[in-house]
Every structure is written in structure tokens, then in C-alpha cells.
Amino acid sequence: MKRNVGRIDATLRVGAGIALAVLAVFAAWGTVTVPVVSAVGLGIIALVLLIEGATRRCLLYRALGIDRCPVD
């Protein structure tokens, strides 16, 4: 599959993934309460963002026909 996520977008995804992973850990420990989403849900979302940022490939972008990656 061709890359479809640009460098800035990938960096933001990795940053958001790390932040959500930290929040998930705090929610699992009970330090922070998360009203709607559980710690497991936050962890899954964080993992998806980290994988998409690291590989620079997004399945949703592919399904919608979006390509934000310049030619490498």
C-alpha cells in the first residue's frame, strides 16, 4: 500500500498517540477518570494512531481517496 500520510500529519499522529497512551495508563491506574471511553478504548485508539504515524499509511484516507503525502 502506498504512503498517504504526510510528515506533519504523521508527527501529529505519533504525538497524539503518545498522549492518549499516557492518558490510558493513568485511567487504568484510576488516577484519571474517563467518563465515556474506557482505558482499553483509549489504548486501542493510541495504538492505531502510533501505527499510522509510524508507517505513514491510513486506511480511512485510502477509502476516502485522500493522499496527503508528497512524492518521496
PDB file of N, CA and C in Angstrom:
ATOM      1  N   MET A   1       0.840  -1.170   0.000  1.00  0.00           N
ATOM      2  CA  MET A   1       0.000   0.000   0.000  1.00  0.00           C
ATOM      3  C   MET A   1       0.894   1.245   0.000  1.00  0.00           C
ATOM      4  N   LYS A   2       0.568   2.220  -0.809  1.00  0.00           N
ATOM      5  CA  LYS A   2       1.321   3.455  -0.954  1.00  0.00           C
ATOM      6  C   LYS A   2       1.118   4.356   0.258  1.00  0.00           C
ATOM      7  N   ARG A   3       2.147   5.094   0.634  1.00  0.00           N
ATOM      8  CA  ARG A   3       2.017   6.055   1.733  1.00  0.00           C
ATOM      9  C   ARG A   3       1.026   7.135   1.350  1.00  0.00           C
ATOM     10  N   ASN A   4       0.173   7.522   2.290  1.00  0.00           N
ATOM     11  CA  ASN A   4      -0.796   8.571   2.012  1.00  0.00           C
ATOM     12  C   ASN A   4      -0.901   9.586   3.152  1.00  0.00           C
ATOM     13  N   VAL A   5       0.045   9.558   4.077  1.00  0.00           N
ATOM     14  CA  VAL A   5       0.068  10.486   5.210  1.00  0.00           C
ATOM     15  C   VAL A   5       1.362  11.282   5.134  1.00  0.00           C
ATOM     16  N   GLY A   6       1.258  12.600   5.174  1.00  0.00           N
ATOM     17  CA  GLY A   6       2.436  13.462   5.115  1.00  0.00           C
ATOM     18  C   GLY A   6       3.225  13.458   6.411  1.00  0.00           C
ATOM     19  N   ARG A   7       4.405  14.082   6.366  1.00  0.00           N
ATOM     20  CA  ARG A   7       5.292  14.089   7.540  1.00  0.00           C
ATOM     21  C   ARG A   7       4.682  14.830   8.730  1.00  0.00           C
ATOM     22  N   ILE A   8       4.089  15.973   8.488  1.00  0.00           N
ATOM     23  CA  ILE A   8       3.497  16.745   9.590  1.00  0.00           C
ATOM     24  C   ILE A   8       2.330  15.977  10.198  1.00  0.00           C
ATOM     25  N   ASP A   9       1.474  15.417   9.357  1.00  0.00           N
ATOM     26  CA  ASP A   9       0.335  14.621   9.818  1.00  0.00           C
ATOM     27  C   ASP A   9       0.819  13.412  10.619  1.00  0.00           C
ATOM     28  N   ALA A  10       1.872  12.758  10.141  1.00  0.00           N
ATOM     29  CA  ALA A  10       2.413  11.588  10.843  1.00  0.00           C
ATOM     30  C   ALA A  10       2.970  11.987  12.208  1.00  0.00           C
ATOM     31  N   THR A  11       3.661  13.120  12.268  1.00  0.00           N
ATOM     32  CA  THR A  11       4.214  13.591  13.543  1.00  0.00           C
ATOM     33  C   THR A  11       3.099  13.902  14.536  1.00  0.00           C
ATOM     34  N   LEU A  12       2.044  14.542  14.047  1.00  0.00           N
ATOM     35  CA  LEU A  12       0.905  14.840  14.924  1.00  0.00           C
ATOM     36  C   LEU A  12       0.219  13.560  15.403  1.00  0.00           C
ATOM     37  N   ARG A  13       0.119  12.567  14.529  1.00  0.00           N
ATOM     38  CA  ARG A  13      -0.494  11.296  14.937  1.00  0.00           C
ATOM     39  C   ARG A  13       0.327  10.597  16.005  1.00  0.00           C
ATOM     40  N   VAL A  14       1.648  10.600  15.858  1.00  0.00           N
ATOM     41  CA  VAL A  14       2.503   9.962  16.861  1.00  0.00           C
ATOM     42  C   VAL A  14       2.390  10.714  18.191  1.00  0.00           C
ATOM     43  N   GLY A  15       2.398  12.031  18.131  1.00  0.00           N
ATOM     44  CA  GLY A  15       2.257  12.823  19.363  1.00  0.00           C
ATOM     45  C   GLY A  15       0.929  12.580  20.063  1.00  0.00           C
ATOM     46  N   ALA A  16      -0.149  12.554  19.282  1.00  0.00           N
ATOM     47  CA  ALA A  16      -1.470  12.290  19.861  1.00  0.00           C
ATOM     48  C   ALA A  16      -1.551  10.861  20.397  1.00  0.00           C
ATOM     49  N   GLY A  17      -0.915   9.926  19.700  1.00  0.00           N
ATOM     50  CA  GLY A  17      -0.904   8.538  20.161  1.00  0.00           C
ATOM     51  C   GLY A  17      -0.197   8.383  21.492  1.00  0.00           C
ATOM     52  N   ILE A  18       0.930   9.073  21.638  1.00  0.00           N
ATOM     53  CA  ILE A  18       1.670   9.019  22.910  1.00  0.00           C
ATOM     54  C   ILE A  18       0.839   9.644  24.030  1.00  0.00           C
ATOM     55  N   ALA A  19       0.220  10.786  23.738  1.00  0.00           N
ATOM     56  CA  ALA A  19      -0.602  11.454  24.761  1.00  0.00           C
ATOM     57  C   ALA A  19      -1.777  10.573  25.184  1.00  0.00           C
ATOM     58  N   LEU A  20      -2.439   9.939  24.222  1.00  0.00           N
ATOM     59  CA  LEU A  20      -3.564   9.062  24.561  1.00  0.00           C
ATOM     60  C   LEU A  20      -3.105   7.806  25.296  1.00  0.00           C
ATOM     61  N   ALA A  21      -1.924   7.296  24.963  1.00  0.00           N
ATOM     62  CA  ALA A  21      -1.395   6.127  25.666  1.00  0.00           C
ATOM     63  C   ALA A  21      -1.126   6.464  27.131  1.00  0.00           C
ATOM     64  N   VAL A  22      -0.565   7.638  27.375  1.00  0.00           N
ATOM     65  CA  VAL A  22      -0.316   8.074  28.757  1.00  0.00           C
ATOM     66  C   VAL A  22      -1.641   8.240  29.502  1.00  0.00           C
ATOM     67  N   LEU A  23      -2.626   8.847  28.842  1.00  0.00           N
ATOM     68  CA  LEU A  23      -3.946   9.009  29.453  1.00  0.00           C
ATOM     69  C   LEU A  23      -4.586   7.648  29.744  1.00  0.00           C
ATOM     70  N   ALA A  24      -4.404   6.691  28.844  1.00  0.00           N
ATOM     71  CA  ALA A  24      -4.958   5.354  29.058  1.00  0.00           C
ATOM     72  C   ALA A  24      -4.320   4.678  30.272  1.00  0.00           C
ATOM     73  N   VAL A  25      -3.026   4.860  30.426  1.00  0.00           N
ATOM     74  CA  VAL A  25      -2.336   4.268  31.582  1.00  0.00           C
ATOM     75  C   VAL A  25      -2.839   4.904  32.878  1.00  0.00           C
ATOM     76  N   PHE A  26      -2.976   6.232  32.877  1.00  0.00           N
ATOM     77  CA  PHE A  26      -3.492   6.900  34.067  1.00  0.00           C
ATOM     78  C   PHE A  26      -4.931   6.486  34.366  1.00  0.00           C
ATOM     79  N   ALA A  27      -5.732   6.290  33.327  1.00  0.00           N
ATOM     80  CA  ALA A  27      -7.116   5.847  33.528  1.00  0.00           C
ATOM     81  C   ALA A  27      -7.155   4.419  34.059  1.00  0.00           C
ATOM     82  N   ALA A  28      -6.248   3.579  33.604  1.00  0.00           N
ATOM     83  CA  ALA A  28      -6.197   2.199  34.095  1.00  0.00           C
ATOM     84  C   ALA A  28      -5.789   2.151  35.560  1.00  0.00           C
ATOM     85  N   TRP A  29      -4.895   3.048  35.969  1.00  0.00           N
ATOM     86  CA  TRP A  29      -4.469   3.099  37.363  1.00  0.00           C
ATOM     87  C   TRP A  29      -5.511   3.729  38.263  1.00  0.00           C
ATOM     88  N   GLY A  30      -6.484   4.432  37.674  1.00  0.00           N
ATOM     89  CA  GLY A  30      -7.501   5.088  38.470  1.00  0.00           C
ATOM     90  C   GLY A  30      -7.144   6.502  38.873  1.00  0.00           C
ATOM     91  N   THR A  31      -6.022   7.000  38.368  1.00  0.00           N
ATOM     92  CA  THR A  31      -5.597   8.364  38.671  1.00  0.00           C
ATOM     93  C   THR A  31      -6.504   9.387  37.999  1.00  0.00           C
ATOM     94  N   VAL A  32      -6.922   9.076  36.775  1.00  0.00           N
ATOM     95  CA  VAL A  32      -7.777   9.959  35.980  1.00  0.00           C
ATOM     96  C   VAL A  32      -9.050   9.200  35.665  1.00  0.00           C
ATOM     97  N   THR A  33     -10.184   9.867  35.771  1.00  0.00           N
ATOM     98  CA  THR A  33     -11.435   9.220  35.400  1.00  0.00           C
ATOM     99  C   THR A  33     -11.804   9.637  33.980  1.00  0.00           C
ATOM    100  N   VAL A  34     -12.190   8.668  33.202  1.00  0.00           N
ATOM    101  CA  VAL A  34     -12.585   8.906  31.811  1.00  0.00           C
ATOM    102  C   VAL A  34     -14.064   8.564  31.724  1.00  0.00           C
ATOM    103  N   PRO A  35     -14.935   9.565  31.508  1.00  0.00           N
ATOM    104  CA  PRO A  35     -16.370   9.319  31.612  1.00  0.00           C
ATOM    105  C   PRO A  35     -16.963   8.423  30.534  1.00  0.00           C
ATOM    106  N   VAL A  36     -16.543   8.557  29.302  1.00  0.00           N
ATOM    107  CA  VAL A  36     -17.223   7.845  28.226  1.00  0.00           C
ATOM    108  C   VAL A  36     -16.401   6.654  27.720  1.00  0.00           C
ATOM    109  N   VAL A  37     -15.146   6.869  27.524  1.00  0.00           N
ATOM    110  CA  VAL A  37     -14.282   5.857  26.916  1.00  0.00           C
ATOM    111  C   VAL A  37     -13.471   5.172  28.012  1.00  0.00           C
ATOM    112  N   SER A  38     -13.339   3.887  27.909  1.00  0.00           N
ATOM    113  CA  SER A  38     -12.560   3.158  28.902  1.00  0.00           C
ATOM    114  C   SER A  38     -11.072   3.264  28.593  1.00  0.00           C
ATOM    115  N   ALA A  39     -10.270   2.816  29.530  1.00  0.00           N
ATOM    116  CA  ALA A  39      -8.823   2.829  29.344  1.00  0.00           C
ATOM    117  C   ALA A  39      -8.418   1.934  28.180  1.00  0.00           C
ATOM    118  N   VAL A  40      -9.117   0.832  28.000  1.00  0.00           N
ATOM    119  CA  VAL A  40      -8.806  -0.073  26.890  1.00  0.00           C
ATOM    120  C   VAL A  40      -9.106   0.610  25.555  1.00  0.00           C
ATOM    121  N   GLY A  41     -10.217   1.307  25.471  1.00  0.00           N
ATOM    122  CA  GLY A  41     -10.563   2.029  24.249  1.00  0.00           C
ATOM    123  C   GLY A  41      -9.538   3.093  23.919  1.00  0.00           C
ATOM    124  N   LEU A  42      -9.103   3.832  24.924  1.00  0.00           N
ATOM    125  CA  LEU A  42      -8.063   4.836  24.701  1.00  0.00           C
ATOM    126  C   LEU A  42      -6.762   4.190  24.243  1.00  0.00           C
ATOM    127  N   GLY A  43      -6.445   3.048  24.821  1.00  0.00           N
ATOM    128  CA  GLY A  43      -5.232   2.336  24.425  1.00  0.00           C
ATOM    129  C   GLY A  43      -5.288   1.869  22.981  1.00  0.00           C
ATOM    130  N   ILE A  44      -6.443   1.392  22.549  1.00  0.00           N
ATOM    131  CA  ILE A  44      -6.602   0.942  21.163  1.00  0.00           C
ATOM    132  C   ILE A  44      -6.473   2.117  20.196  1.00  0.00           C
ATOM    133  N   ILE A  45      -7.114   3.222  20.523  1.00  0.00           N
ATOM    134  CA  ILE A  45      -7.015   4.411  19.671  1.00  0.00           C
ATOM    135  C   ILE A  45      -5.569   4.897  19.612  1.00  0.00           C
ATOM    136  N   ALA A  46      -4.878   4.890  20.749  1.00  0.00           N
ATOM    137  CA  ALA A  46      -3.479   5.307  20.787  1.00  0.00           C
ATOM    138  C   ALA A  46      -2.615   4.401  19.918  1.00  0.00           C
ATOM    139  N   LEU A  47      -2.862   3.098  19.986  1.00  0.00           N
ATOM    140  CA  LEU A  47      -2.093   2.152  19.187  1.00  0.00           C
ATOM    141  C   LEU A  47      -2.312   2.375  17.696  1.00  0.00           C
ATOM    142  N   VAL A  48      -3.548   2.607  17.301  1.00  0.00           N
ATOM    143  CA  VAL A  48      -3.851   2.865  15.883  1.00  0.00           C
ATOM    144  C   VAL A  48      -3.136   4.122  15.410  1.00  0.00           C
ATOM    145  N   LEU A  49      -3.191   5.190  16.200  1.00  0.00           N
ATOM    146  CA  LEU A  49      -2.518   6.432  15.813  1.00  0.00           C
ATOM    147  C   LEU A  49      -1.010   6.249  15.725  1.00  0.00           C
ATOM    148  N   LEU A  50      -0.430   5.512  16.647  1.00  0.00           N
ATOM    149  CA  LEU A  50       1.010   5.275  16.599  1.00  0.00           C
ATOM    150  C   LEU A  50       1.412   4.471  15.370  1.00  0.00           C
ATOM    151  N   ILE A  51       0.642   3.444  15.032  1.00  0.00           N
ATOM    152  CA  ILE A  51       0.954   2.632  13.857  1.00  0.00           C
ATOM    153  C   ILE A  51       0.798   3.450  12.579  1.00  0.00           C
ATOM    154  N   GLU A  52      -0.282   4.217  12.482  1.00  0.00           N
ATOM    155  CA  GLU A  52      -0.493   5.042  11.286  1.00  0.00           C
ATOM    156  C   GLU A  52       0.596   6.098  11.154  1.00  0.00           C
ATOM    157  N   GLY A  53       1.004   6.696  12.253  1.00  0.00           N
ATOM    158  CA  GLY A  53       2.058   7.705  12.199  1.00  0.00           C
ATOM    159  C   GLY A  53       3.407   7.117  11.832  1.00  0.00           C
ATOM    160  N   ALA A  54       3.706   5.929  12.351  1.00  0.00           N
ATOM    161  CA  ALA A  54       4.997   5.302  12.078  1.00  0.00           C
ATOM    162  C   ALA A  54       5.091   4.780  10.646  1.00  0.00           C
ATOM    163  N   THR A  55       4.009   4.217  10.134  1.00  0.00           N
ATOM    164  CA  THR A  55       4.038   3.660   8.774  1.00  0.00           C
ATOM    165  C   THR A  55       3.647   4.676   7.711  1.00  0.00           C
ATOM    166  N   ARG A  56       3.027   5.791   8.143  1.00  0.00           N
ATOM    167  CA  ARG A  56       2.529   6.844   7.246  1.00  0.00           C
ATOM    168  C   ARG A  56       1.511   6.302   6.250  1.00  0.00           C
ATOM    169  N   ARG A  57       0.682   5.371   6.722  1.00  0.00           N
ATOM    170  CA  ARG A  57      -0.399   4.806   5.915  1.00  0.00           C
ATOM    171  C   ARG A  57      -1.682   4.826   6.741  1.00  0.00           C
ATOM    172  N   CYS A  58      -2.770   5.328   6.142  1.00  0.00           N
ATOM    173  CA  CYS A  58      -4.046   5.410   6.831  1.00  0.00           C
ATOM    174  C   CYS A  58      -5.120   4.760   5.967  1.00  0.00           C
ATOM    175  N   LEU A  59      -5.806   3.777   6.517  1.00  0.00           N
ATOM    176  CA  LEU A  59      -6.844   3.080   5.756  1.00  0.00           C
ATOM    177  C   LEU A  59      -8.044   3.974   5.484  1.00  0.00           C
ATOM    178  N   LEU A  60      -8.387   4.862   6.408  1.00  0.00           N
ATOM    179  CA  LEU A  60      -9.504   5.776   6.185  1.00  0.00           C
ATOM    180  C   LEU A  60      -9.192   6.741   5.044  1.00  0.00           C
ATOM    181  N   TYR A  61      -7.964   7.274   5.024  1.00  0.00           N
ATOM    182  CA  TYR A  61      -7.567   8.133   3.912  1.00  0.00           C
ATOM    183  C   TYR A  61      -7.667   7.367   2.588  1.00  0.00           C
ATOM    184  N   ARG A  62      -7.239   6.123   2.589  1.00  0.00           N
ATOM    185  CA  ARG A  62      -7.289   5.318   1.368  1.00  0.00           C
ATOM    186  C   ARG A  62      -8.727   5.116   0.913  1.00  0.00           C
ATOM    187  N   ALA A  63      -9.633   4.817   1.837  1.00  0.00           N
ATOM    188  CA  ALA A  63     -11.032   4.597   1.499  1.00  0.00           C
ATOM    189  C   ALA A  63     -11.686   5.867   0.955  1.00  0.00           C
ATOM    190  N   LEU A  64     -11.247   7.033   1.465  1.00  0.00           N
ATOM    191  CA  LEU A  64     -11.814   8.297   1.019  1.00  0.00           C
ATOM    192  C   LEU A  64     -11.076   8.895  -0.177  1.00  0.00           C
ATOM    193  N   GLY A  65      -9.973   8.256  -0.587  1.00  0.00           N
ATOM    194  CA  GLY A  65      -9.213   8.745  -1.735  1.00  0.00           C
ATOM    195  C   GLY A  65      -8.348   9.956  -1.423  1.00  0.00           C
ATOM    196  N   ILE A  66      -7.966  10.122  -0.174  1.00  0.00           N
ATOM    197  CA  ILE A  66      -7.151  11.261   0.235  1.00  0.00           C
ATOM    198  C   ILE A  66      -5.686  10.859   0.200  1.00  0.00           C
ATOM    199  N   ASP A  67      -4.843  11.727  -0.370  1.00  0.00           N
ATOM    200  CA  ASP A  67      -3.398  11.491  -0.400  1.00  0.00           C
ATOM    201  C   ASP A  67      -2.707  12.774   0.026  1.00  0.00           C
ATOM    202  N   ARG A  68      -2.173  12.796   1.228  1.00  0.00           N
ATOM    203  CA  ARG A  68      -1.530  13.996   1.765  1.00  0.00           C
ATOM    204  C   ARG A  68      -0.028  13.844   1.788  1.00  0.00           C
ATOM    205  N   CYS A  69       0.497  12.836   1.118  1.00  0.00           N
ATOM    206  CA  CYS A  69       1.927  12.578   1.133  1.00  0.00           C
ATOM    207  C   CYS A  69       2.530  13.053  -0.187  1.00  0.00           C
ATOM    208  N   PRO A  70       3.464  13.991  -0.113  1.00  0.00           N
ATOM    209  CA  PRO A  70       4.137  14.388  -1.353  1.00  0.00           C
ATOM    210  C   PRO A  70       5.031  13.247  -1.838  1.00  0.00           C
ATOM    211  N   VAL A  71       5.455  13.323  -3.056  1.00  0.00           N
ATOM    212  CA  VAL A  71       6.314  12.286  -3.625  1.00  0.00           C
ATOM    213  C   VAL A  71       7.626  12.269  -2.857  1.00  0.00           C
ATOM    214  N   ASP A  72       7.995  11.093  -2.333  1.00  0.00           N
ATOM    215  CA  ASP A  72       9.246  10.959  -1.563  1.00  0.00           C
ATOM    216  C   ASP A  72      10.413  10.707  -2.469  1.00  0.00           C
TER     217      ASP A  72
END
